[in-house]
Protein backbone atom coordinates (compact mmCIF):
# COMPACT_ATOMS: atom_id res chain seq x y z
CA UNK A 1 -64.06 -8.49 239.52
CA UNK A 2 -62.39 -11.03 237.25
CA UNK A 3 -62.71 -8.70 234.26
CA UNK A 4 -61.33 -5.80 236.27
CA UNK A 5 -58.26 -7.77 237.27
CA UNK A 6 -57.58 -9.01 233.74
CA UNK A 7 -57.69 -5.45 232.47
CA UNK A 8 -55.52 -4.30 235.38
CA UNK A 9 -52.97 -6.97 234.50
CA UNK A 10 -52.92 -5.89 230.85
CA UNK A 11 -52.55 -2.21 231.69
CA UNK A 12 -49.89 -2.77 234.33
CA UNK A 13 -47.63 -4.76 232.04
CA UNK A 14 -48.31 -2.55 229.03
CA UNK A 15 -47.57 0.68 230.90
CA UNK A 16 -44.33 -0.61 232.39
CA UNK A 17 -45.41 -0.52 236.04
CA UNK A 18 -43.30 -2.03 238.82
CA UNK A 19 -44.08 -5.19 240.76
CA UNK A 20 -42.71 -6.59 243.99
CA UNK A 21 -39.98 -8.61 242.27
CA UNK A 22 -38.87 -6.85 239.11
CA UNK A 23 -38.81 -3.56 237.26
CA UNK A 24 -40.11 -3.39 233.72
CA UNK A 25 -37.72 -2.50 230.89
CA UNK A 26 -38.72 -0.39 227.92
CA UNK A 27 -40.98 -2.06 225.38
CA UNK A 28 -42.98 -5.25 225.71
CA UNK A 29 -41.24 -8.33 227.10
CA UNK A 30 -40.46 -11.45 225.12
CA UNK A 31 -43.56 -13.64 225.48
CA UNK A 32 -43.29 -17.44 225.39
CA UNK A 33 -46.58 -19.38 225.61
CA UNK A 34 -46.26 -23.09 226.44
CA UNK A 35 -49.31 -25.33 226.14
CA UNK A 36 -49.21 -28.40 228.40
CA UNK A 37 -51.99 -30.30 226.66
CA UNK A 38 -54.55 -31.78 229.05
CA UNK A 39 -53.36 -30.04 232.24
CA UNK A 40 -56.10 -29.42 234.80
CA UNK A 41 -55.12 -27.02 237.64
CA UNK A 42 -55.65 -29.78 240.22
CA UNK A 43 -53.15 -32.05 238.48
CA UNK A 44 -50.20 -30.22 240.03
CA UNK A 45 -51.54 -31.01 243.51
CA UNK A 46 -52.31 -34.61 242.54
CA UNK A 47 -48.78 -35.11 241.21
CA UNK A 48 -47.20 -33.71 244.36
CA UNK A 49 -49.43 -35.86 246.57
CA UNK A 50 -48.11 -38.86 244.65
CA UNK A 51 -44.52 -37.85 245.42
CA UNK A 52 -43.53 -35.99 242.26
CA UNK A 53 -41.47 -32.82 242.68
CA UNK A 54 -42.66 -29.91 240.52
CA UNK A 55 -40.63 -26.91 241.71
CA UNK A 56 -40.81 -24.94 238.45
CA UNK A 57 -44.48 -25.40 237.63
CA UNK A 58 -45.59 -24.69 241.20
CA UNK A 59 -43.34 -21.61 241.37
CA UNK A 60 -45.96 -19.81 239.26
CA UNK A 61 -48.30 -19.90 242.25
CA UNK A 62 -45.94 -17.98 244.54
CA UNK A 63 -43.99 -15.97 241.97
CA UNK A 64 -46.63 -15.19 239.36
CA UNK A 65 -50.35 -15.03 238.63
CA UNK A 66 -52.59 -18.02 238.03
CA UNK A 67 -56.15 -19.10 237.39
CA UNK A 68 -57.72 -21.68 239.68
CA UNK A 69 -59.55 -22.92 236.59
CA UNK A 70 -60.27 -21.98 232.98
CA UNK A 71 -63.71 -22.70 231.53
CA UNK A 72 -63.14 -23.85 227.97
CA UNK A 73 -65.07 -24.27 224.75
CA UNK A 74 -67.38 -26.91 223.36
CA UNK A 75 -66.05 -29.43 222.52
CA UNK A 76 -63.30 -29.55 225.15
CA UNK A 77 -60.71 -30.98 222.77
CA UNK A 78 -57.31 -29.82 221.56
CA UNK A 79 -57.75 -28.04 218.24
CA UNK A 80 -60.82 -25.85 218.93
CA UNK A 81 -59.37 -24.95 222.33
CA UNK A 82 -55.96 -23.99 220.96
CA UNK A 83 -57.61 -21.87 218.28
CA UNK A 84 -59.59 -20.04 220.96
CA UNK A 85 -56.47 -19.55 223.09
CA UNK A 86 -54.92 -17.39 220.36
CA UNK A 87 -58.04 -15.77 218.88
CA UNK A 88 -60.20 -15.05 221.92
CA UNK A 89 -63.38 -16.23 220.19
CA UNK A 90 -65.53 -19.36 220.27
CA UNK A 91 -65.29 -22.23 217.74
CA UNK A 92 -68.40 -21.14 215.84
CA UNK A 93 -66.60 -17.89 215.05
CA UNK A 94 -63.01 -19.00 214.49
CA UNK A 95 -64.12 -22.03 212.46
CA UNK A 96 -62.19 -24.89 214.13
CA UNK A 97 -65.07 -27.05 215.30
CA UNK A 98 -63.28 -30.24 216.35
CA UNK A 99 -59.95 -32.04 216.11
CA UNK A 100 -60.86 -34.05 213.04
CA UNK A 101 -62.94 -32.74 210.18
CA UNK A 102 -66.46 -34.08 209.80
CA UNK A 103 -66.08 -37.13 207.59
CA UNK A 104 -69.10 -39.47 207.57
CA UNK A 105 -68.17 -41.22 204.33
CA UNK A 106 -64.42 -41.46 205.01
CA UNK A 107 -63.44 -39.25 202.07
CA UNK A 108 -60.84 -37.22 203.98
CA UNK A 109 -58.71 -40.08 205.34
CA UNK A 110 -58.55 -39.04 208.99
CA UNK A 111 -57.91 -35.37 208.18
CA UNK A 112 -57.52 -32.93 211.08
CA UNK A 113 -57.91 -29.16 211.15
CA UNK A 114 -54.23 -28.62 210.35
CA UNK A 115 -54.43 -25.57 208.08
CA UNK A 116 -54.41 -21.96 209.25
CA UNK A 117 -56.63 -20.86 206.34
CA UNK A 118 -59.52 -22.60 208.10
CA UNK A 119 -59.31 -19.94 210.82
CA UNK A 120 -61.87 -17.21 210.17
CA UNK A 121 -60.39 -14.54 212.49
CA UNK A 122 -56.87 -13.25 213.19
CA UNK A 123 -54.68 -14.92 215.77
CA UNK A 124 -52.35 -13.46 218.37
CA UNK A 125 -49.42 -14.12 216.03
CA UNK A 126 -51.20 -12.45 213.11
CA UNK A 127 -51.74 -9.29 215.13
CA UNK A 128 -48.20 -9.39 216.51
CA UNK A 129 -46.70 -9.75 213.03
CA UNK A 130 -48.85 -6.94 211.66
CA UNK A 131 -47.43 -4.78 214.47
CA UNK A 132 -43.88 -5.60 213.37
CA UNK A 133 -43.17 -8.24 216.03
CA UNK A 134 -41.17 -11.35 215.18
CA UNK A 135 -43.06 -14.58 215.70
CA UNK A 136 -42.22 -18.26 216.18
CA UNK A 137 -44.19 -21.48 216.51
CA UNK A 138 -43.17 -24.94 217.67
CA UNK A 139 -46.01 -27.21 216.51
CA UNK A 140 -49.01 -25.30 217.84
CA UNK A 141 -52.24 -26.67 216.28
CA UNK A 142 -53.82 -25.12 213.17
CA UNK A 143 -50.62 -23.47 211.90
CA UNK A 144 -49.88 -25.09 208.53
CA UNK A 145 -49.53 -22.18 206.13
CA UNK A 146 -49.63 -19.51 208.83
CA UNK A 147 -47.69 -16.27 208.27
CA UNK A 148 -45.15 -16.84 211.06
CA UNK A 149 -41.48 -15.85 210.85
CA UNK A 150 -40.20 -19.19 212.21
CA UNK A 151 -42.99 -21.70 211.70
CA UNK A 152 -42.77 -25.40 212.55
CA UNK A 153 -46.44 -26.38 212.25
CA UNK A 154 -48.22 -29.39 213.68
CA UNK A 155 -48.85 -31.92 210.93
CA UNK A 156 -48.71 -35.67 210.38
CA UNK A 157 -50.20 -38.01 207.83
CA UNK A 158 -48.26 -41.21 207.16
CA UNK A 159 -46.35 -41.79 210.41
CA UNK A 160 -43.17 -42.46 208.47
CA UNK A 161 -40.34 -40.60 206.72
CA UNK A 162 -42.82 -39.03 204.31
CA UNK A 163 -44.12 -36.84 207.13
CA UNK A 164 -40.66 -35.31 207.54
CA UNK A 165 -40.56 -34.64 203.78
CA UNK A 166 -43.89 -32.86 204.00
CA UNK A 167 -42.67 -30.91 207.02
CA UNK A 168 -39.75 -29.61 204.94
CA UNK A 169 -42.26 -28.10 202.53
CA UNK A 170 -44.62 -26.55 205.08
CA UNK A 171 -41.98 -25.29 207.54
CA UNK A 172 -40.26 -21.93 207.10
CA UNK A 173 -37.86 -22.45 204.13
CA UNK A 174 -34.49 -23.94 205.13
CA UNK A 175 -35.38 -23.88 208.82
CA UNK A 176 -35.48 -27.67 209.20
CA UNK A 177 -32.10 -28.00 207.51
CA UNK A 178 -30.66 -25.47 209.93
CA UNK A 179 -32.23 -27.21 212.92
CA UNK A 180 -30.97 -30.62 211.83
CA UNK A 181 -27.45 -29.30 211.42
CA UNK A 182 -27.61 -27.89 214.94
CA UNK A 183 -29.65 -30.58 216.73
CA UNK A 184 -29.31 -33.73 214.65
CA UNK A 185 -32.07 -35.79 213.04
CA UNK A 186 -35.54 -34.58 214.04
CA UNK A 187 -38.59 -36.75 214.73
CA UNK A 188 -41.27 -34.06 214.22
CA UNK A 189 -44.21 -36.31 215.10
CA UNK A 190 -46.66 -36.63 217.99
CA UNK A 191 -44.68 -39.23 219.94
CA UNK A 192 -43.66 -39.08 223.58
CA UNK A 193 -40.00 -39.06 222.56
CA UNK A 194 -40.48 -35.83 220.65
CA UNK A 195 -41.22 -33.71 223.73
CA UNK A 196 -37.58 -32.90 224.47
CA UNK A 197 -37.07 -32.22 220.79
CA UNK A 198 -39.70 -29.46 220.94
CA UNK A 199 -37.89 -27.89 223.89
CA UNK A 200 -34.58 -28.14 222.05
CA UNK A 201 -36.04 -26.47 218.97
CA UNK A 202 -37.52 -23.69 221.09
CA UNK A 203 -34.22 -23.11 222.90
CA UNK A 204 -32.30 -23.02 219.61
CA UNK A 205 -34.67 -20.47 218.08
CA UNK A 206 -34.69 -18.30 221.20
CA UNK A 207 -30.90 -18.34 221.33
CA UNK A 208 -30.18 -17.81 217.63
CA UNK A 209 -33.10 -15.78 216.29
CA UNK A 210 -34.70 -12.48 217.24
CA UNK A 211 -38.17 -13.37 218.52
CA UNK A 212 -40.85 -11.35 220.30
CA UNK A 213 -43.51 -14.02 220.80
CA UNK A 214 -43.30 -17.81 220.61
CA UNK A 215 -45.94 -20.56 220.89
CA UNK A 216 -44.99 -24.10 221.97
CA UNK A 217 -47.39 -27.07 222.11
CA UNK A 218 -46.52 -30.11 224.28
CA UNK A 219 -48.96 -33.03 223.79
CA UNK A 220 -47.13 -35.61 225.93
CA UNK A 221 -49.20 -35.30 229.14
CA UNK A 222 -52.40 -35.60 227.11
CA UNK A 223 -51.22 -38.73 225.29
CA UNK A 224 -50.03 -40.39 228.51
CA UNK A 225 -53.27 -39.60 230.34
CA UNK A 226 -55.34 -40.95 227.46
CA UNK A 227 -53.33 -44.17 227.56
CA UNK A 228 -53.10 -44.80 231.29
CA UNK A 229 -55.91 -42.78 232.85
CA UNK A 230 -56.17 -39.58 234.83
CA UNK A 231 -54.14 -39.73 238.03
CA UNK A 232 -52.06 -42.70 236.88
CA UNK A 233 -48.44 -42.60 238.03
CA UNK A 234 -47.06 -43.05 234.50
CA UNK A 235 -49.06 -40.07 233.29
CA UNK A 236 -48.12 -37.94 236.30
CA UNK A 237 -44.45 -38.78 235.84
CA UNK A 238 -44.52 -36.83 232.59
CA UNK A 239 -45.36 -33.68 234.56
CA UNK A 240 -42.16 -34.11 236.56
CA UNK A 241 -40.19 -34.45 233.33
CA UNK A 242 -41.90 -31.39 231.85
CA UNK A 243 -41.18 -29.49 235.05
CA UNK A 244 -37.44 -30.00 234.65
CA UNK A 245 -37.52 -28.90 231.01
CA UNK A 246 -39.61 -25.87 231.96
CA UNK A 247 -36.96 -24.90 234.48
CA UNK A 248 -34.25 -25.06 231.82
CA UNK A 249 -36.39 -22.97 229.46
CA UNK A 250 -37.04 -20.34 232.12
CA UNK A 251 -33.34 -20.14 233.01
CA UNK A 252 -32.56 -19.58 229.32
CA UNK A 253 -35.16 -16.83 229.08
CA UNK A 254 -33.69 -15.12 232.13
CA UNK A 255 -30.22 -15.24 230.61
CA UNK A 256 -30.96 -14.11 227.06
CA UNK A 257 -33.37 -11.31 228.06
CA UNK A 258 -31.91 -10.19 231.40
CA UNK A 259 -35.34 -10.82 232.92
CA UNK A 260 -37.27 -9.00 230.17
CA UNK A 261 -39.72 -11.83 229.45
CA UNK A 262 -43.08 -13.33 230.39
CA UNK A 263 -43.62 -17.08 230.43
CA UNK A 264 -47.22 -18.26 230.13
CA UNK A 265 -48.40 -21.83 230.65
CA UNK A 266 -51.79 -22.69 229.20
CA UNK A 267 -53.77 -25.82 228.48
CA UNK A 268 -56.84 -26.82 226.55
CA UNK A 269 -58.90 -29.14 228.75
CA UNK A 270 -58.80 -31.46 231.73
CA UNK A 271 -59.53 -35.18 232.01
CA UNK A 272 -61.82 -37.78 233.53
CA UNK A 273 -61.61 -41.58 233.47
CA UNK A 274 -63.68 -43.95 231.35
CA UNK A 275 -63.91 -47.72 231.17
CA UNK A 276 -66.82 -48.15 228.71
CA UNK A 277 -67.03 -47.07 225.06
CA UNK A 278 -70.43 -46.34 223.51
CA UNK A 279 -70.43 -46.56 219.70
CA UNK A 280 -72.98 -43.89 218.83
CA UNK A 281 -73.01 -44.50 215.10
CA UNK A 282 -73.79 -48.16 215.74
CA UNK A 283 -76.86 -46.96 217.64
CA UNK A 284 -77.80 -44.54 214.85
CA UNK A 285 -77.40 -47.40 212.38
CA UNK A 286 -79.70 -49.57 214.48
CA UNK A 287 -82.27 -46.75 214.41
CA UNK A 288 -82.17 -46.64 210.60
CA UNK A 289 -80.47 -43.25 210.48
CA UNK A 290 -77.33 -44.61 208.78
CA UNK A 291 -77.20 -47.02 205.83
CA UNK A 292 -74.16 -49.11 204.82
CA UNK A 293 -73.22 -50.74 201.55
CA UNK A 294 -72.19 -54.38 201.21
CA UNK A 295 -68.61 -53.47 202.16
CA UNK A 296 -69.67 -51.78 205.39
CA UNK A 297 -69.15 -48.23 204.15
CA UNK A 298 -71.66 -45.43 204.68
CA UNK A 299 -73.92 -45.16 201.64
CA UNK A 300 -76.46 -42.76 203.17
CA UNK A 301 -76.94 -40.98 206.48
CA UNK A 302 -79.62 -38.83 208.07
CA UNK A 303 -77.78 -38.40 211.38
CA UNK A 304 -74.13 -39.09 212.12
CA UNK A 305 -72.05 -38.81 215.29
CA UNK A 306 -68.94 -36.59 215.14
CA UNK A 307 -67.06 -37.92 218.13
CA UNK A 308 -65.03 -35.94 220.67
CA UNK A 309 -64.43 -38.62 223.32
CA UNK A 310 -66.46 -37.38 226.27
CA UNK A 311 -68.94 -35.71 223.95
CA UNK A 312 -70.23 -36.01 220.42
CA UNK A 313 -71.89 -33.70 217.93
CA UNK A 314 -74.82 -35.41 216.23
CA UNK A 315 -74.91 -33.91 212.74
CA UNK A 316 -78.08 -33.91 210.65
CA UNK A 317 -78.02 -34.32 206.87
CA UNK A 318 -81.09 -32.07 206.63
CA UNK A 319 -80.95 -29.78 209.67
CA UNK A 320 -83.94 -27.73 208.45
CA UNK A 321 -86.18 -30.81 208.32
CA UNK A 322 -88.40 -30.61 211.43
CA UNK A 323 -89.51 -34.23 211.10
CA UNK A 324 -85.91 -35.51 211.07
CA UNK A 325 -84.91 -33.16 213.89
CA UNK A 326 -87.78 -34.39 216.08
CA UNK A 327 -87.03 -38.02 215.23
CA UNK A 328 -83.37 -37.68 216.22
CA UNK A 329 -84.14 -35.67 219.35
CA UNK A 330 -86.66 -38.26 220.51
CA UNK A 331 -84.18 -41.07 219.89
CA UNK A 332 -81.36 -39.31 221.76
CA UNK A 333 -83.71 -38.62 224.66
CA UNK A 334 -84.67 -42.30 224.70
CA UNK A 335 -80.99 -43.29 224.80
CA UNK A 336 -80.28 -40.77 227.57
CA UNK A 337 -83.10 -42.19 229.67
CA UNK A 338 -81.45 -45.62 229.47
CA UNK A 339 -78.50 -45.42 231.86
CA UNK A 340 -76.63 -48.22 230.10
CA UNK A 341 -75.71 -45.84 227.25
CA UNK A 342 -73.97 -43.32 229.53
CA UNK A 343 -75.50 -40.13 228.10
CA UNK A 344 -75.50 -37.37 230.72
CA UNK A 345 -76.78 -34.44 228.65
CA UNK A 346 -78.43 -33.79 225.28
CA UNK A 347 -78.07 -30.24 223.94
CA UNK A 348 -80.28 -28.97 221.15
CA UNK A 349 -78.96 -26.97 218.20
CA UNK A 350 -80.01 -23.70 219.85
CA UNK A 351 -78.25 -24.58 223.09
CA UNK A 352 -75.16 -25.75 221.22
CA UNK A 353 -75.08 -22.59 219.13
CA UNK A 354 -75.36 -20.35 222.19
CA UNK A 355 -72.31 -22.11 223.64
CA UNK A 356 -70.33 -21.34 220.48
CA UNK A 357 -70.27 -24.83 219.01
CA UNK A 358 -71.63 -26.24 215.75
CA UNK A 359 -74.68 -24.27 214.64
CA UNK A 360 -76.86 -27.29 213.80
CA UNK A 361 -77.51 -30.75 215.17
CA UNK A 362 -77.23 -31.94 218.77
CA UNK A 363 -74.50 -32.49 221.33
CA UNK A 364 -74.47 -35.46 223.68
CA UNK A 365 -72.23 -35.51 226.74
CA UNK A 366 -70.91 -38.70 228.32
CA UNK A 367 -71.38 -39.64 231.96
CA UNK A 368 -68.16 -40.16 233.95
CA UNK A 369 -66.95 -43.68 233.22
CA UNK A 370 -68.19 -43.56 229.61
CA UNK A 371 -66.68 -42.34 226.36
CA UNK A 372 -68.12 -42.06 222.84
CA UNK A 373 -66.76 -43.39 219.57
CA UNK A 374 -67.95 -42.45 216.09
CA UNK A 375 -66.35 -45.50 214.44
CA UNK A 376 -68.38 -48.00 212.45
CA UNK A 377 -65.93 -50.89 212.62
CA UNK A 378 -68.27 -52.63 215.05
CA UNK A 379 -72.04 -52.79 215.39
CA UNK A 380 -71.66 -53.52 219.10
CA UNK A 381 -73.18 -50.48 220.80
CA UNK A 382 -71.43 -50.87 224.17
CA UNK A 383 -67.89 -52.10 224.63
CA UNK A 384 -66.04 -52.40 227.97
CA UNK A 385 -62.46 -51.15 227.78
CA UNK A 386 -59.66 -53.53 228.79
CA UNK A 387 -58.27 -50.80 231.05
CA UNK A 388 -59.26 -47.35 232.25
CA UNK A 389 -58.58 -44.59 229.74
CA UNK A 390 -58.33 -40.86 230.29
CA UNK A 391 -60.86 -38.87 228.30
CA UNK A 392 -62.16 -35.34 227.73
CA UNK A 393 -64.85 -33.72 225.61
CA UNK A 394 -67.46 -33.27 228.35
CA UNK A 395 -69.10 -29.87 228.77
CA UNK A 396 -66.66 -27.08 229.69
CA UNK A 397 -68.67 -26.20 232.81
CA UNK A 398 -67.45 -29.37 234.53
CA UNK A 399 -64.46 -28.62 236.83
CA UNK A 400 -62.78 -31.81 235.60
CA UNK A 401 -62.65 -30.19 232.14
CA UNK A 402 -61.11 -26.94 233.40
CA UNK A 403 -57.81 -26.02 231.78
CA UNK A 404 -54.88 -24.04 233.22
CA UNK A 405 -53.44 -20.55 232.94
CA UNK A 406 -50.22 -19.50 234.70
CA UNK A 407 -48.17 -16.34 234.18
CA UNK A 408 -44.72 -15.43 235.43
CA UNK A 409 -42.14 -12.81 234.55
CA UNK A 410 -41.59 -9.12 234.17
CA UNK A 411 -44.52 -6.99 235.24
CA UNK A 412 -46.68 -9.93 236.35
CA UNK A 413 -48.22 -9.59 239.84
CA UNK A 414 -46.74 -11.97 242.41
CA UNK A 415 -48.87 -14.59 244.17
CA UNK A 416 -52.06 -13.36 242.54
CA UNK A 417 -55.00 -15.72 242.00
CA UNK A 418 -57.26 -14.87 239.07
CA UNK A 419 -59.91 -17.30 240.28
CA UNK A 420 -61.88 -19.20 237.67
CA UNK A 421 -61.67 -17.41 234.31
CA UNK A 422 -62.97 -18.02 230.81
CA UNK A 423 -60.70 -19.21 228.01
CA UNK A 424 -61.81 -16.09 226.09
CA UNK A 425 -59.82 -14.05 228.65
CA UNK A 426 -56.47 -15.41 227.60
CA UNK A 427 -55.83 -13.98 224.12
CA UNK A 428 -56.64 -10.38 225.19
CA UNK A 429 -54.39 -10.79 228.23
CA UNK A 430 -51.47 -12.06 226.11
CA UNK A 431 -52.06 -9.29 223.59
CA UNK A 432 -51.94 -6.77 226.43
CA UNK A 433 -48.59 -8.12 227.59
CA UNK A 434 -47.30 -7.60 224.04
CA UNK A 435 -48.86 -4.11 223.96
CA UNK A 436 -50.90 -4.98 220.89
CA UNK A 437 -54.10 -3.29 219.73
CA UNK A 438 -56.61 -6.06 220.42
CA UNK A 439 -60.02 -4.88 219.27
CA UNK A 440 -63.16 -6.26 220.88
CA UNK A 441 -66.85 -5.67 220.52
CA UNK A 442 -68.71 -4.48 223.60
CA UNK A 443 -67.33 -3.65 227.02
CA UNK A 444 -66.44 -7.07 228.40
CA UNK A 445 -63.74 -9.20 226.75
CA UNK A 446 -64.83 -12.13 228.91
CA UNK A 447 -68.09 -12.55 227.04
CA UNK A 448 -68.16 -10.58 223.81
CA UNK A 449 -66.63 -11.76 220.55
CA UNK A 450 -64.29 -10.05 218.15
CA UNK A 451 -65.88 -8.69 214.99
CA UNK A 452 -62.91 -8.07 212.75
CA UNK A 453 -62.38 -10.75 210.13
CA UNK A 454 -59.06 -11.85 208.70
CA UNK A 455 -58.40 -10.35 205.28
CA UNK A 456 -57.75 -13.22 202.89
């Protein structure tokens, strides 16, 4: 039934059918996709129960279509999830396996998956551009070097003025100069203060450029929830602020398109609360699976934790070695049987691969109340946190990890619940709104993967 409705939604918008509230103009509508990082569908209710007014975000429920939950990818973190949102395939296929790149010997200096060339399949914007549509991006993950008409990628390195210099090089030529002349000095970082700047950039581009599809990433709710905890008033207050900005954006879209637009709100994961950190690499060191030199740096490793907060991939140096694999599996099982280490689940390489994650190693999931770190700055295995922190990275089947999907605008059914969907549903649905040829393998876009590979 879910698949049937997704396809009905695509066909209805693409064919220009009428809905209860609007008639569809010729050609596909302007599509703006806004990612509210970390937004679980229940968070809107929680915020309202705490006295926050969210008239614009909640209007999607009555005036548009919405999912009651979106089952995400493994790991449930920002970069793999955002890559799946615009490719419709799992991390093992699109190639973005985590936020940060695997870096056991600290040779990459905290490098993230910033670069679009790491994507192994086309994105929604690739397909749109190939079809002659004009594309724009306001700091969506994994977009450095992407072929986007107006591209302001997500990137940071030094947390100082040098980042802005780098942004001038990797942004569409002369675009930052134009934006600064119009909007003043730009921050262009991941700070809370930069949220309104992202909206201002989006509004400027929509007003002054010809655009058919735009992506916008807003990390502020995620950063606040990490800092203060899920359900905290300071974190929820950011939703009220985002709500007001969303209302301004929607009013602009209505004006500049005469109603010929679709606004989509997506997210990448939900949250749970943790008050204990488990340092997995400290445990692997204690088991003799990691060796350090006299300066405390990794000199050799047989198994190493690649942390994702509420989960961690345990990488093996020799994944084809059955003796090492059995040794690590037995040790992880031993840790999981000891409740003090907060391990809820241990997935084998086969199980992890079937879920579309890393093809080798193991995945450990944290119990609620626990989070994992892959740092080696302490050999203390368990560390109580001074205050509750919001976390994610648990298995995508947990409702707390569900992300959001809301649609509103021309041709979108009114007051229609999609139920719980899969994150793989979203890219084909957005492509259908844009009337793009989105090829899939098999009969069901909810489960099957795309087979066409980006031409380098």
